[in-house]
Amino acid sequence: MGIESLVLQIIIALGILNVWLFRYNKATIYRGGDSQTLKQEFKAYGLPEPVYFFIGFLKISSAVSLVASIWFPVLTLYTASLVAILMVGALIMHIKVKDPIKKSIPAIAMLLMSISLALISVV
């Protein structure tokens, strides 16, 4: 895999880690509904608290796996695919609460990058 894969792996991993480890308690213009924190966002989507922790585990694990896939390329396809699936879920939640498209931009960008990374990894 080339530089394109490396760049996507790093951008996706850092993006996920930023949201789930550094900005989880901070308001952003991209939070679903009127939420101020990540936990409130899950509540706005009507999801129970265990789902918040499960998705958080999946996303943080995916970010770590994307970094590891720099040295273990066999992980790339699976991890990028998981991130893509999670981003589809995020988009569905934004649609569910009738958010304006602007709030879905990060999920759309991550979805497109994850699909691109998955495709690069099989070529």
PDB file of N, CA and C in Angstrom:
ATOM      1  N   MET A   1       0.846  -1.187   0.000  1.00  0.00           N
ATOM      2  CA  MET A   1       0.000   0.000   0.000  1.00  0.00           C
ATOM      3  C   MET A   1       0.885   1.242   0.000  1.00  0.00           C
ATOM      4  N   GLY A   2       0.352   2.305  -0.579  1.00  0.00           N
ATOM      5  CA  GLY A   2       1.146   3.504  -0.747  1.00  0.00           C
ATOM      6  C   GLY A   2       0.817   4.606   0.239  1.00  0.00           C
ATOM      7  N   ILE A   3       1.268   5.767  -0.128  1.00  0.00           N
ATOM      8  CA  ILE A   3       1.102   6.941   0.720  1.00  0.00           C
ATOM      9  C   ILE A   3      -0.373   7.300   0.913  1.00  0.00           C
ATOM     10  N   GLU A   4      -1.201   7.033  -0.110  1.00  0.00           N
ATOM     11  CA  GLU A   4      -2.634   7.342   0.008  1.00  0.00           C
ATOM     12  C   GLU A   4      -3.254   6.572   1.158  1.00  0.00           C
ATOM     13  N   SER A   5      -2.901   5.304   1.255  1.00  0.00           N
ATOM     14  CA  SER A   5      -3.418   4.460   2.335  1.00  0.00           C
ATOM     15  C   SER A   5      -2.952   4.985   3.687  1.00  0.00           C
ATOM     16  N   LEU A   6      -1.681   5.290   3.794  1.00  0.00           N
ATOM     17  CA  LEU A   6      -1.122   5.795   5.046  1.00  0.00           C
ATOM     18  C   LEU A   6      -1.823   7.078   5.486  1.00  0.00           C
ATOM     19  N   VAL A   7      -2.018   7.988   4.557  1.00  0.00           N
ATOM     20  CA  VAL A   7      -2.681   9.265   4.876  1.00  0.00           C
ATOM     21  C   VAL A   7      -4.110   9.019   5.360  1.00  0.00           C
ATOM     22  N   LEU A   8      -4.839   8.158   4.669  1.00  0.00           N
ATOM     23  CA  LEU A   8      -6.216   7.862   5.075  1.00  0.00           C
ATOM     24  C   LEU A   8      -6.252   7.172   6.438  1.00  0.00           C
ATOM     25  N   GLN A   9      -5.364   6.240   6.671  1.00  0.00           N
ATOM     26  CA  GLN A   9      -5.320   5.551   7.960  1.00  0.00           C
ATOM     27  C   GLN A   9      -5.127   6.553   9.099  1.00  0.00           C
ATOM     28  N   ILE A  10      -4.204   7.477   8.916  1.00  0.00           N
ATOM     29  CA  ILE A  10      -3.899   8.449   9.965  1.00  0.00           C
ATOM     30  C   ILE A  10      -5.049   9.435  10.148  1.00  0.00           C
ATOM     31  N   ILE A  11      -5.597   9.955   9.062  1.00  0.00           N
ATOM     32  CA  ILE A  11      -6.697  10.921   9.169  1.00  0.00           C
ATOM     33  C   ILE A  11      -7.914  10.292   9.849  1.00  0.00           C
ATOM     34  N   ILE A  12      -8.279   9.097   9.425  1.00  0.00           N
ATOM     35  CA  ILE A  12      -9.447   8.435  10.011  1.00  0.00           C
ATOM     36  C   ILE A  12      -9.197   8.140  11.488  1.00  0.00           C
ATOM     37  N   ALA A  13      -8.047   7.566  11.811  1.00  0.00           N
ATOM     38  CA  ALA A  13      -7.738   7.224  13.202  1.00  0.00           C
ATOM     39  C   ALA A  13      -7.727   8.462  14.090  1.00  0.00           C
ATOM     40  N   LEU A  14      -7.051   9.514  13.646  1.00  0.00           N
ATOM     41  CA  LEU A  14      -6.997  10.735  14.461  1.00  0.00           C
ATOM     42  C   LEU A  14      -8.368  11.392  14.592  1.00  0.00           C
ATOM     43  N   GLY A  15      -9.160  11.334  13.536  1.00  0.00           N
ATOM     44  CA  GLY A  15     -10.512  11.889  13.598  1.00  0.00           C
ATOM     45  C   GLY A  15     -11.361  11.186  14.641  1.00  0.00           C
ATOM     46  N   ILE A  16     -11.319   9.866  14.635  1.00  0.00           N
ATOM     47  CA  ILE A  16     -12.094   9.088  15.608  1.00  0.00           C
ATOM     48  C   ILE A  16     -11.592   9.344  17.029  1.00  0.00           C
ATOM     49  N   LEU A  17     -10.287   9.285  17.217  1.00  0.00           N
ATOM     50  CA  LEU A  17      -9.733   9.508  18.555  1.00  0.00           C
ATOM     51  C   LEU A  17     -10.027  10.912  19.061  1.00  0.00           C
ATOM     52  N   ASN A  18     -10.013  11.881  18.170  1.00  0.00           N
ATOM     53  CA  ASN A  18     -10.334  13.252  18.557  1.00  0.00           C
ATOM     54  C   ASN A  18     -11.757  13.333  19.110  1.00  0.00           C
ATOM     55  N   VAL A  19     -12.704  12.757  18.401  1.00  0.00           N
ATOM     56  CA  VAL A  19     -14.112  12.817  18.816  1.00  0.00           C
ATOM     57  C   VAL A  19     -14.344  12.034  20.107  1.00  0.00           C
ATOM     58  N   TRP A  20     -13.812  10.831  20.191  1.00  0.00           N
ATOM     59  CA  TRP A  20     -14.149   9.938  21.298  1.00  0.00           C
ATOM     60  C   TRP A  20     -13.270  10.099  22.534  1.00  0.00           C
ATOM     61  N   LEU A  21     -12.079  10.680  22.414  1.00  0.00           N
ATOM     62  CA  LEU A  21     -11.215  10.838  23.588  1.00  0.00           C
ATOM     63  C   LEU A  21     -11.019  12.289  24.009  1.00  0.00           C
ATOM     64  N   PHE A  22     -11.062  13.218  23.073  1.00  0.00           N
ATOM     65  CA  PHE A  22     -10.751  14.605  23.415  1.00  0.00           C
ATOM     66  C   PHE A  22     -11.946  15.544  23.351  1.00  0.00           C
ATOM     67  N   ARG A  23     -12.931  15.247  22.519  1.00  0.00           N
ATOM     68  CA  ARG A  23     -14.056  16.163  22.329  1.00  0.00           C
ATOM     69  C   ARG A  23     -15.400  15.561  22.761  1.00  0.00           C
ATOM     70  N   TYR A  24     -15.362  14.429  23.438  1.00  0.00           N
ATOM     71  CA  TYR A  24     -16.610  13.756  23.810  1.00  0.00           C
ATOM     72  C   TYR A  24     -17.489  14.597  24.724  1.00  0.00           C
ATOM     73  N   ASN A  25     -16.901  15.500  25.496  1.00  0.00           N
ATOM     74  CA  ASN A  25     -17.661  16.343  26.422  1.00  0.00           C
ATOM     75  C   ASN A  25     -17.772  17.788  25.942  1.00  0.00           C
ATOM     76  N   LYS A  26     -17.483  18.018  24.677  1.00  0.00           N
ATOM     77  CA  LYS A  26     -17.498  19.378  24.145  1.00  0.00           C
ATOM     78  C   LYS A  26     -18.578  19.524  23.079  1.00  0.00           C
ATOM     79  N   ALA A  27     -19.219  20.665  23.089  1.00  0.00           N
ATOM     80  CA  ALA A  27     -20.228  20.960  22.069  1.00  0.00           C
ATOM     81  C   ALA A  27     -19.537  21.238  20.735  1.00  0.00           C
ATOM     82  N   THR A  28     -20.163  20.772  19.658  1.00  0.00           N
ATOM     83  CA  THR A  28     -19.705  21.103  18.315  1.00  0.00           C
ATOM     84  C   THR A  28     -20.944  21.351  17.461  1.00  0.00           C
ATOM     85  N   ILE A  29     -20.752  21.961  16.322  1.00  0.00           N
ATOM     86  CA  ILE A  29     -21.887  22.219  15.428  1.00  0.00           C
ATOM     87  C   ILE A  29     -22.378  20.940  14.762  1.00  0.00           C
ATOM     88  N   TYR A  30     -21.643  19.839  14.951  1.00  0.00           N
ATOM     89  CA  TYR A  30     -22.002  18.587  14.298  1.00  0.00           C
ATOM     90  C   TYR A  30     -22.752  17.613  15.206  1.00  0.00           C
ATOM     91  N   ARG A  31     -22.946  17.950  16.457  1.00  0.00           N
ATOM     92  CA  ARG A  31     -23.664  17.060  17.379  1.00  0.00           C
ATOM     93  C   ARG A  31     -25.108  16.892  16.924  1.00  0.00           C
ATOM     94  N   GLY A  32     -25.610  15.668  17.057  1.00  0.00           N
ATOM     95  CA  GLY A  32     -26.979  15.378  16.667  1.00  0.00           C
ATOM     96  C   GLY A  32     -27.994  16.068  17.556  1.00  0.00           C
ATOM     97  N   GLY A  33     -29.081  16.494  16.957  1.00  0.00           N
ATOM     98  CA  GLY A  33     -30.135  17.175  17.711  1.00  0.00           C
ATOM     99  C   GLY A  33     -29.588  18.444  18.351  1.00  0.00           C
ATOM    100  N   ASP A  34     -29.959  18.665  19.592  1.00  0.00           N
ATOM    101  CA  ASP A  34     -29.475  19.837  20.342  1.00  0.00           C
ATOM    102  C   ASP A  34     -28.410  19.441  21.360  1.00  0.00           C
ATOM    103  N   SER A  35     -27.759  18.332  21.147  1.00  0.00           N
ATOM    104  CA  SER A  35     -26.803  17.777  22.104  1.00  0.00           C
ATOM    105  C   SER A  35     -25.575  18.655  22.264  1.00  0.00           C
ATOM    106  N   GLN A  36     -25.064  18.648  23.488  1.00  0.00           N
ATOM    107  CA  GLN A  36     -23.834  19.373  23.799  1.00  0.00           C
ATOM    108  C   GLN A  36     -22.649  18.427  23.988  1.00  0.00           C
ATOM    109  N   THR A  37     -22.933  17.150  24.259  1.00  0.00           N
ATOM    110  CA  THR A  37     -21.881  16.161  24.472  1.00  0.00           C
ATOM    111  C   THR A  37     -22.185  14.914  23.637  1.00  0.00           C
ATOM    112  N   LEU A  38     -21.206  14.057  23.543  1.00  0.00           N
ATOM    113  CA  LEU A  38     -21.385  12.822  22.783  1.00  0.00           C
ATOM    114  C   LEU A  38     -22.432  11.920  23.439  1.00  0.00           C
ATOM    115  N   LYS A  39     -22.402  11.845  24.754  1.00  0.00           N
ATOM    116  CA  LYS A  39     -23.378  11.007  25.465  1.00  0.00           C
ATOM    117  C   LYS A  39     -24.796  11.541  25.252  1.00  0.00           C
ATOM    118  N   GLN A  40     -24.976  12.856  25.288  1.00  0.00           N
ATOM    119  CA  GLN A  40     -26.287  13.464  25.022  1.00  0.00           C
ATOM    120  C   GLN A  40     -26.729  13.185  23.586  1.00  0.00           C
ATOM    121  N   GLU A  41     -25.780  13.141  22.691  1.00  0.00           N
ATOM    122  CA  GLU A  41     -26.092  12.868  21.294  1.00  0.00           C
ATOM    123  C   GLU A  41     -26.717  11.475  21.149  1.00  0.00           C
ATOM    124  N   PHE A  42     -26.156  10.498  21.813  1.00  0.00           N
ATOM    125  CA  PHE A  42     -26.723   9.150  21.763  1.00  0.00           C
ATOM    126  C   PHE A  42     -28.119   9.122  22.375  1.00  0.00           C
ATOM    127  N   LYS A  43     -28.297   9.898  23.430  1.00  0.00           N
ATOM    128  CA  LYS A  43     -29.623   9.990  24.054  1.00  0.00           C
ATOM    129  C   LYS A  43     -30.620  10.633  23.089  1.00  0.00           C
ATOM    130  N   ALA A  44     -30.180  11.666  22.364  1.00  0.00           N
ATOM    131  CA  ALA A  44     -31.051  12.330  21.376  1.00  0.00           C
ATOM    132  C   ALA A  44     -31.476  11.361  20.275  1.00  0.00           C
ATOM    133  N   TYR A  45     -30.622  10.402  19.970  1.00  0.00           N
ATOM    134  CA  TYR A  45     -30.939   9.405  18.948  1.00  0.00           C
ATOM    135  C   TYR A  45     -31.858   8.305  19.487  1.00  0.00           C
ATOM    136  N   GLY A  46     -32.128   8.347  20.803  1.00  0.00           N
ATOM    137  CA  GLY A  46     -32.991   7.335  21.413  1.00  0.00           C
ATOM    138  C   GLY A  46     -32.256   6.038  21.705  1.00  0.00           C
ATOM    139  N   LEU A  47     -30.940   6.103  21.799  1.00  0.00           N
ATOM    140  CA  LEU A  47     -30.136   4.905  22.051  1.00  0.00           C
ATOM    141  C   LEU A  47     -29.817   4.779  23.542  1.00  0.00           C
ATOM    142  N   PRO A  48     -29.878   3.578  24.085  1.00  0.00           N
ATOM    143  CA  PRO A  48     -29.564   3.388  25.503  1.00  0.00           C
ATOM    144  C   PRO A  48     -28.071   3.562  25.778  1.00  0.00           C
ATOM    145  N   GLU A  49     -27.734   3.852  27.005  1.00  0.00           N
ATOM    146  CA  GLU A  49     -26.347   4.114  27.398  1.00  0.00           C
ATOM    147  C   GLU A  49     -25.378   2.978  27.043  1.00  0.00           C
ATOM    148  N   PRO A  50     -25.770   1.698  27.186  1.00  0.00           N
ATOM    149  CA  PRO A  50     -24.824   0.638  26.788  1.00  0.00           C
ATOM    150  C   PRO A  50     -24.413   0.720  25.316  1.00  0.00           C
ATOM    151  N   VAL A  51     -25.290   1.212  24.450  1.00  0.00           N
ATOM    152  CA  VAL A  51     -24.950   1.371  23.033  1.00  0.00           C
ATOM    153  C   VAL A  51     -23.850   2.428  22.885  1.00  0.00           C
ATOM    154  N   TYR A  52     -23.938   3.495  23.656  1.00  0.00           N
ATOM    155  CA  TYR A  52     -22.907   4.543  23.658  1.00  0.00           C
ATOM    156  C   TYR A  52     -21.540   3.920  23.959  1.00  0.00           C
ATOM    157  N   PHE A  53     -21.469   3.103  25.008  1.00  0.00           N
ATOM    158  CA  PHE A  53     -20.196   2.495  25.391  1.00  0.00           C
ATOM    159  C   PHE A  53     -19.726   1.461  24.358  1.00  0.00           C
ATOM    160  N   PHE A  54     -20.652   0.701  23.804  1.00  0.00           N
ATOM    161  CA  PHE A  54     -20.298  -0.304  22.792  1.00  0.00           C
ATOM    162  C   PHE A  54     -19.761   0.362  21.523  1.00  0.00           C
ATOM    163  N   ILE A  55     -20.458   1.381  21.042  1.00  0.00           N
ATOM    164  CA  ILE A  55     -20.002   2.094  19.843  1.00  0.00           C
ATOM    165  C   ILE A  55     -18.673   2.779  20.122  1.00  0.00           C
ATOM    166  N   GLY A  56     -18.528   3.350  21.305  1.00  0.00           N
ATOM    167  CA  GLY A  56     -17.257   3.969  21.681  1.00  0.00           C
ATOM    168  C   GLY A  56     -16.118   2.969  21.651  1.00  0.00           C
ATOM    169  N   PHE A  57     -16.372   1.781  22.199  1.00  0.00           N
ATOM    170  CA  PHE A  57     -15.365   0.715  22.166  1.00  0.00           C
ATOM    171  C   PHE A  57     -15.001   0.355  20.722  1.00  0.00           C
ATOM    172  N   LEU A  58     -16.024   0.189  19.879  1.00  0.00           N
ATOM    173  CA  LEU A  58     -15.772  -0.161  18.472  1.00  0.00           C
ATOM    174  C   LEU A  58     -14.983   0.926  17.760  1.00  0.00           C
ATOM    175  N   LYS A  59     -15.347   2.178  17.995  1.00  0.00           N
ATOM    176  CA  LYS A  59     -14.663   3.267  17.284  1.00  0.00           C
ATOM    177  C   LYS A  59     -13.230   3.446  17.763  1.00  0.00           C
ATOM    178  N   ILE A  60     -13.011   3.424  19.068  1.00  0.00           N
ATOM    179  CA  ILE A  60     -11.640   3.570  19.580  1.00  0.00           C
ATOM    180  C   ILE A  60     -10.792   2.379  19.156  1.00  0.00           C
ATOM    181  N   SER A  61     -11.351   1.178  19.230  1.00  0.00           N
ATOM    182  CA  SER A  61     -10.628  -0.016  18.776  1.00  0.00           C
ATOM    183  C   SER A  61     -10.294   0.076  17.289  1.00  0.00           C
ATOM    184  N   SER A  62     -11.230   0.597  16.507  1.00  0.00           N
ATOM    185  CA  SER A  62     -10.989   0.762  15.066  1.00  0.00           C
ATOM    186  C   SER A  62      -9.858   1.748  14.812  1.00  0.00           C
ATOM    187  N   ALA A  63      -9.846   2.828  15.558  1.00  0.00           N
ATOM    188  CA  ALA A  63      -8.783   3.825  15.378  1.00  0.00           C
ATOM    189  C   ALA A  63      -7.418   3.222  15.708  1.00  0.00           C
ATOM    190  N   VAL A  64      -7.348   2.497  16.813  1.00  0.00           N
ATOM    191  CA  VAL A  64      -6.092   1.851  17.191  1.00  0.00           C
ATOM    192  C   VAL A  64      -5.701   0.809  16.140  1.00  0.00           C
ATOM    193  N   SER A  65      -6.679   0.066  15.650  1.00  0.00           N
ATOM    194  CA  SER A  65      -6.425  -0.945  14.622  1.00  0.00           C
ATOM    195  C   SER A  65      -5.946  -0.319  13.316  1.00  0.00           C
ATOM    196  N   LEU A  66      -6.482   0.862  12.979  1.00  0.00           N
ATOM    197  CA  LEU A  66      -6.011   1.544  11.769  1.00  0.00           C
ATOM    198  C   LEU A  66      -4.552   1.944  11.894  1.00  0.00           C
ATOM    199  N   VAL A  67      -4.152   2.380  13.077  1.00  0.00           N
ATOM    200  CA  VAL A  67      -2.739   2.709  13.290  1.00  0.00           C
ATOM    201  C   VAL A  67      -1.910   1.430  13.205  1.00  0.00           C
ATOM    202  N   ALA A  68      -2.382   0.363  13.845  1.00  0.00           N
ATOM    203  CA  ALA A  68      -1.658  -0.913  13.794  1.00  0.00           C
ATOM    204  C   ALA A  68      -1.572  -1.448  12.368  1.00  0.00           C
ATOM    205  N   SER A  69      -2.585  -1.149  11.563  1.00  0.00           N
ATOM    206  CA  SER A  69      -2.592  -1.672  10.187  1.00  0.00           C
ATOM    207  C   SER A  69      -1.501  -1.045   9.313  1.00  0.00           C
ATOM    208  N   ILE A  70      -0.883   0.009   9.793  1.00  0.00           N
ATOM    209  CA  ILE A  70       0.273   0.566   9.088  1.00  0.00           C
ATOM    210  C   ILE A  70       1.377  -0.501   9.031  1.00  0.00           C
ATOM    211  N   TRP A  71       1.524  -1.267  10.119  1.00  0.00           N
ATOM    212  CA  TRP A  71       2.538  -2.308  10.194  1.00  0.00           C
ATOM    213  C   TRP A  71       1.968  -3.698   9.888  1.00  0.00           C
ATOM    214  N   PHE A  72       0.653  -3.829  10.041  1.00  0.00           N
ATOM    215  CA  PHE A  72      -0.017  -5.111   9.791  1.00  0.00           C
ATOM    216  C   PHE A  72      -1.145  -4.885   8.794  1.00  0.00           C
ATOM    217  N   PRO A  73      -0.811  -4.754   7.515  1.00  0.00           N
ATOM    218  CA  PRO A  73      -1.776  -4.382   6.482  1.00  0.00           C
ATOM    219  C   PRO A  73      -3.004  -5.293   6.381  1.00  0.00           C
ATOM    220  N   VAL A  74      -2.904  -6.515   6.879  1.00  0.00           N
ATOM    221  CA  VAL A  74      -4.047  -7.424   6.815  1.00  0.00           C
ATOM    222  C   VAL A  74      -5.249  -6.858   7.581  1.00  0.00           C
ATOM    223  N   LEU A  75      -5.024  -5.972   8.518  1.00  0.00           N
ATOM    224  CA  LEU A  75      -6.105  -5.376   9.315  1.00  0.00           C
ATOM    225  C   LEU A  75      -6.869  -4.284   8.568  1.00  0.00           C
ATOM    226  N   THR A  76      -6.265  -3.724   7.549  1.00  0.00           N
ATOM    227  CA  THR A  76      -6.808  -2.528   6.908  1.00  0.00           C
ATOM    228  C   THR A  76      -8.209  -2.721   6.353  1.00  0.00           C
ATOM    229  N   LEU A  77      -8.415  -3.731   5.549  1.00  0.00           N
ATOM    230  CA  LEU A  77      -9.722  -3.940   4.925  1.00  0.00           C
ATOM    231  C   LEU A  77     -10.818  -4.105   5.978  1.00  0.00           C
ATOM    232  N   TYR A  78     -10.552  -4.929   6.976  1.00  0.00           N
ATOM    233  CA  TYR A  78     -11.563  -5.198   8.003  1.00  0.00           C
ATOM    234  C   TYR A  78     -11.877  -3.953   8.832  1.00  0.00           C
ATOM    235  N   THR A  79     -10.837  -3.241   9.211  1.00  0.00           N
ATOM    236  CA  THR A  79     -11.042  -2.059  10.040  1.00  0.00           C
ATOM    237  C   THR A  79     -11.712  -0.937   9.255  1.00  0.00           C
ATOM    238  N   ALA A  80     -11.268  -0.694   8.041  1.00  0.00           N
ATOM    239  CA  ALA A  80     -11.893   0.348   7.214  1.00  0.00           C
ATOM    240  C   ALA A  80     -13.355   0.008   6.951  1.00  0.00           C
ATOM    241  N   SER A  81     -13.641  -1.262   6.753  1.00  0.00           N
ATOM    242  CA  SER A  81     -15.033  -1.690   6.529  1.00  0.00           C
ATOM    243  C   SER A  81     -15.879  -1.464   7.770  1.00  0.00           C
ATOM    244  N   LEU A  82     -15.329  -1.769   8.940  1.00  0.00           N
ATOM    245  CA  LEU A  82     -16.060  -1.532  10.189  1.00  0.00           C
ATOM    246  C   LEU A  82     -16.341  -0.045  10.378  1.00  0.00           C
ATOM    247  N   VAL A  83     -15.351   0.791  10.124  1.00  0.00           N
ATOM    248  CA  VAL A  83     -15.562   2.240  10.252  1.00  0.00           C
ATOM    249  C   VAL A  83     -16.642   2.701   9.274  1.00  0.00           C
ATOM    250  N   ALA A  84     -16.616   2.182   8.060  1.00  0.00           N
ATOM    251  CA  ALA A  84     -17.644   2.553   7.070  1.00  0.00           C
ATOM    252  C   ALA A  84     -19.034   2.170   7.578  1.00  0.00           C
ATOM    253  N   ILE A  85     -19.172   0.985   8.134  1.00  0.00           N
ATOM    254  CA  ILE A  85     -20.463   0.546   8.675  1.00  0.00           C
ATOM    255  C   ILE A  85     -20.907   1.455   9.818  1.00  0.00           C
ATOM    256  N   LEU A  86     -19.969   1.796  10.689  1.00  0.00           N
ATOM    257  CA  LEU A  86     -20.294   2.700  11.803  1.00  0.00           C
ATOM    258  C   LEU A  86     -20.726   4.073  11.295  1.00  0.00           C
ATOM    259  N   MET A  87     -20.109   4.541  10.224  1.00  0.00           N
ATOM    260  CA  MET A  87     -20.481   5.839   9.670  1.00  0.00           C
ATOM    261  C   MET A  87     -21.854   5.801   9.005  1.00  0.00           C
ATOM    262  N   VAL A  88     -22.203   4.689   8.400  1.00  0.00           N
ATOM    263  CA  VAL A  88     -23.561   4.538   7.860  1.00  0.00           C
ATOM    264  C   VAL A  88     -24.557   4.638   9.015  1.00  0.00           C
ATOM    265  N   GLY A  89     -24.235   3.988  10.130  1.00  0.00           N
ATOM    266  CA  GLY A  89     -25.087   4.090  11.316  1.00  0.00           C
ATOM    267  C   GLY A  89     -25.208   5.520  11.811  1.00  0.00           C
ATOM    268  N   ALA A  90     -24.107   6.248  11.817  1.00  0.00           N
ATOM    269  CA  ALA A  90     -24.129   7.652  12.243  1.00  0.00           C
ATOM    270  C   ALA A  90     -25.035   8.478  11.328  1.00  0.00           C
ATOM    271  N   LEU A  91     -24.929   8.235  10.035  1.00  0.00           N
ATOM    272  CA  LEU A  91     -25.782   8.962   9.083  1.00  0.00           C
ATOM    273  C   LEU A  91     -27.253   8.638   9.300  1.00  0.00           C
ATOM    274  N   ILE A  92     -27.549   7.384   9.558  1.00  0.00           N
ATOM    275  CA  ILE A  92     -28.937   6.992   9.822  1.00  0.00           C
ATOM    276  C   ILE A  92     -29.468   7.711  11.064  1.00  0.00           C
ATOM    277  N   MET A  93     -28.631   7.836  12.080  1.00  0.00           N
ATOM    278  CA  MET A  93     -29.059   8.534  13.304  1.00  0.00           C
ATOM    279  C   MET A  93     -29.318  10.018  13.032  1.00  0.00           C
ATOM    280  N   HIS A  94     -28.467  10.648  12.232  1.00  0.00           N
ATOM    281  CA  HIS A  94     -28.696  12.063  11.886  1.00  0.00           C
ATOM    282  C   HIS A  94     -30.016  12.219  11.124  1.00  0.00           C
ATOM    283  N   ILE A  95     -30.275  11.301  10.238  1.00  0.00           N
ATOM    284  CA  ILE A  95     -31.536  11.343   9.482  1.00  0.00           C
ATOM    285  C   ILE A  95     -32.713  11.124  10.432  1.00  0.00           C
ATOM    286  N   LYS A  96     -32.559  10.192  11.357  1.00  0.00           N
ATOM    287  CA  LYS A  96     -33.625   9.865  12.320  1.00  0.00           C
ATOM    288  C   LYS A  96     -34.089  11.091  13.093  1.00  0.00           C
ATOM    289  N   VAL A  97     -33.133  11.937  13.515  1.00  0.00           N
ATOM    290  CA  VAL A  97     -33.508  13.113  14.306  1.00  0.00           C
ATOM    291  C   VAL A  97     -33.685  14.363  13.429  1.00  0.00           C
ATOM    292  N   LYS A  98     -33.685  14.140  12.109  1.00  0.00           N
ATOM    293  CA  LYS A  98     -33.920  15.216  11.141  1.00  0.00           C
ATOM    294  C   LYS A  98     -32.915  16.368  11.255  1.00  0.00           C
ATOM    295  N   ASP A  99     -31.662  16.004  11.435  1.00  0.00           N
ATOM    296  CA  ASP A  99     -30.606  17.008  11.467  1.00  0.00           C
ATOM    297  C   ASP A  99     -30.413  17.606  10.076  1.00  0.00           C
ATOM    298  N   PRO A 100     -29.993  18.866  10.020  1.00  0.00           N
ATOM    299  CA  PRO A 100     -29.625  19.431   8.717  1.00  0.00           C
ATOM    300  C   PRO A 100     -28.387  18.707   8.186  1.00  0.00           C
ATOM    301  N   ILE A 101     -28.219  18.687   6.888  1.00  0.00           N
ATOM    302  CA  ILE A 101     -27.116  17.953   6.239  1.00  0.00           C
ATOM    303  C   ILE A 101     -25.752  18.382   6.793  1.00  0.00           C
ATOM    304  N   LYS A 102     -25.625  19.627   7.189  1.00  0.00           N
ATOM    305  CA  LYS A 102     -24.358  20.150   7.719  1.00  0.00           C
ATOM    306  C   LYS A 102     -23.840  19.290   8.880  1.00  0.00           C
ATOM    307  N   LYS A 103     -24.751  18.781   9.702  1.00  0.00           N
ATOM    308  CA  LYS A 103     -24.325  17.981  10.851  1.00  0.00           C
ATOM    309  C   LYS A 103     -23.815  16.609  10.438  1.00  0.00           C
ATOM    310  N   SER A 104     -24.124  16.191   9.230  1.00  0.00           N
ATOM    311  CA  SER A 104     -23.691  14.878   8.744  1.00  0.00           C
ATOM    312  C   SER A 104     -22.374  14.929   7.977  1.00  0.00           C
ATOM    313  N   ILE A 105     -21.839  16.093   7.743  1.00  0.00           N
ATOM    314  CA  ILE A 105     -20.623  16.228   6.933  1.00  0.00           C
ATOM    315  C   ILE A 105     -19.456  15.397   7.472  1.00  0.00           C
ATOM    316  N   PRO A 106     -19.165  15.416   8.785  1.00  0.00           N
ATOM    317  CA  PRO A 106     -18.050  14.579   9.250  1.00  0.00           C
ATOM    318  C   PRO A 106     -18.286  13.087   9.009  1.00  0.00           C
ATOM    319  N   ALA A 107     -19.509  12.611   9.231  1.00  0.00           N
ATOM    320  CA  ALA A 107     -19.803  11.190   9.008  1.00  0.00           C
ATOM    321  C   ALA A 107     -19.693  10.841   7.522  1.00  0.00           C
ATOM    322  N   ILE A 108     -20.158  11.736   6.669  1.00  0.00           N
ATOM    323  CA  ILE A 108     -20.044  11.504   5.220  1.00  0.00           C
ATOM    324  C   ILE A 108     -18.578  11.452   4.803  1.00  0.00           C
ATOM    325  N   ALA A 109     -17.784  12.383   5.309  1.00  0.00           N
ATOM    326  CA  ALA A 109     -16.353  12.413   4.973  1.00  0.00           C
ATOM    327  C   ALA A 109     -15.654  11.147   5.461  1.00  0.00           C
ATOM    328  N   MET A 110     -15.946  10.733   6.693  1.00  0.00           N
ATOM    329  CA  MET A 110     -15.330   9.519   7.232  1.00  0.00           C
ATOM    330  C   MET A 110     -15.790   8.281   6.456  1.00  0.00           C
ATOM    331  N   LEU A 111     -17.048   8.264   6.049  1.00  0.00           N
ATOM    332  CA  LEU A 111     -17.560   7.150   5.254  1.00  0.00           C
ATOM    333  C   LEU A 111     -16.809   7.056   3.928  1.00  0.00           C
ATOM    334  N   LEU A 112     -16.687   8.171   3.242  1.00  0.00           N
ATOM    335  CA  LEU A 112     -16.000   8.177   1.952  1.00  0.00           C
ATOM    336  C   LEU A 112     -14.524   7.795   2.089  1.00  0.00           C
ATOM    337  N   MET A 113     -13.875   8.303   3.137  1.00  0.00           N
ATOM    338  CA  MET A 113     -12.468   7.951   3.349  1.00  0.00           C
ATOM    339  C   MET A 113     -12.318   6.475   3.694  1.00  0.00           C
ATOM    340  N   SER A 114     -13.228   5.941   4.498  1.00  0.00           N
ATOM    341  CA  SER A 114     -13.164   4.532   4.885  1.00  0.00           C
ATOM    342  C   SER A 114     -13.399   3.619   3.692  1.00  0.00           C
ATOM    343  N   ILE A 115     -14.371   3.968   2.869  1.00  0.00           N
ATOM    344  CA  ILE A 115     -14.615   3.174   1.658  1.00  0.00           C
ATOM    345  C   ILE A 115     -13.393   3.233   0.747  1.00  0.00           C
ATOM    346  N   SER A 116     -12.831   4.409   0.581  1.00  0.00           N
ATOM    347  CA  SER A 116     -11.621   4.557  -0.253  1.00  0.00           C
ATOM    348  C   SER A 116     -10.486   3.699   0.286  1.00  0.00           C
ATOM    349  N   LEU A 117     -10.278   3.735   1.589  1.00  0.00           N
ATOM    350  CA  LEU A 117      -9.207   2.949   2.205  1.00  0.00           C
ATOM    351  C   LEU A 117      -9.464   1.453   2.013  1.00  0.00           C
ATOM    352  N   ALA A 118     -10.688   1.029   2.189  1.00  0.00           N
ATOM    353  CA  ALA A 118     -11.022  -0.389   1.979  1.00  0.00           C
ATOM    354  C   ALA A 118     -10.728  -0.798   0.541  1.00  0.00           C
ATOM    355  N   LEU A 119     -11.120   0.043  -0.409  1.00  0.00           N
ATOM    356  CA  LEU A 119     -10.881  -0.271  -1.824  1.00  0.00           C
ATOM    357  C   LEU A 119      -9.388  -0.303  -2.145  1.00  0.00           C
ATOM    358  N   ILE A 120      -8.646   0.650  -1.604  1.00  0.00           N
ATOM    359  CA  ILE A 120      -7.195   0.674  -1.824  1.00  0.00           C
ATOM    360  C   ILE A 120      -6.551  -0.594  -1.279  1.00  0.00           C
ATOM    361  N   SER A 121      -7.062  -1.068  -0.144  1.00  0.00           N
ATOM    362  CA  SER A 121      -6.439  -2.217   0.511  1.00  0.00           C
ATOM    363  C   SER A 121      -6.639  -3.530  -0.236  1.00  0.00           C
ATOM    364  N   VAL A 122      -7.630  -3.582  -1.125  1.00  0.00           N
ATOM    365  CA  VAL A 122      -7.847  -4.826  -1.874  1.00  0.00           C
ATOM    366  C   VAL A 122      -7.213  -4.794  -3.252  1.00  0.00           C
ATOM    367  N   VAL A 123      -6.684  -3.661  -3.646  1.00  0.00           N
ATOM    368  CA  VAL A 123      -6.059  -3.535  -4.963  1.00  0.00           C
ATOM    369  C   VAL A 123      -4.608  -3.924  -4.900  1.00  0.00           C
TER     370      VAL A 123
END
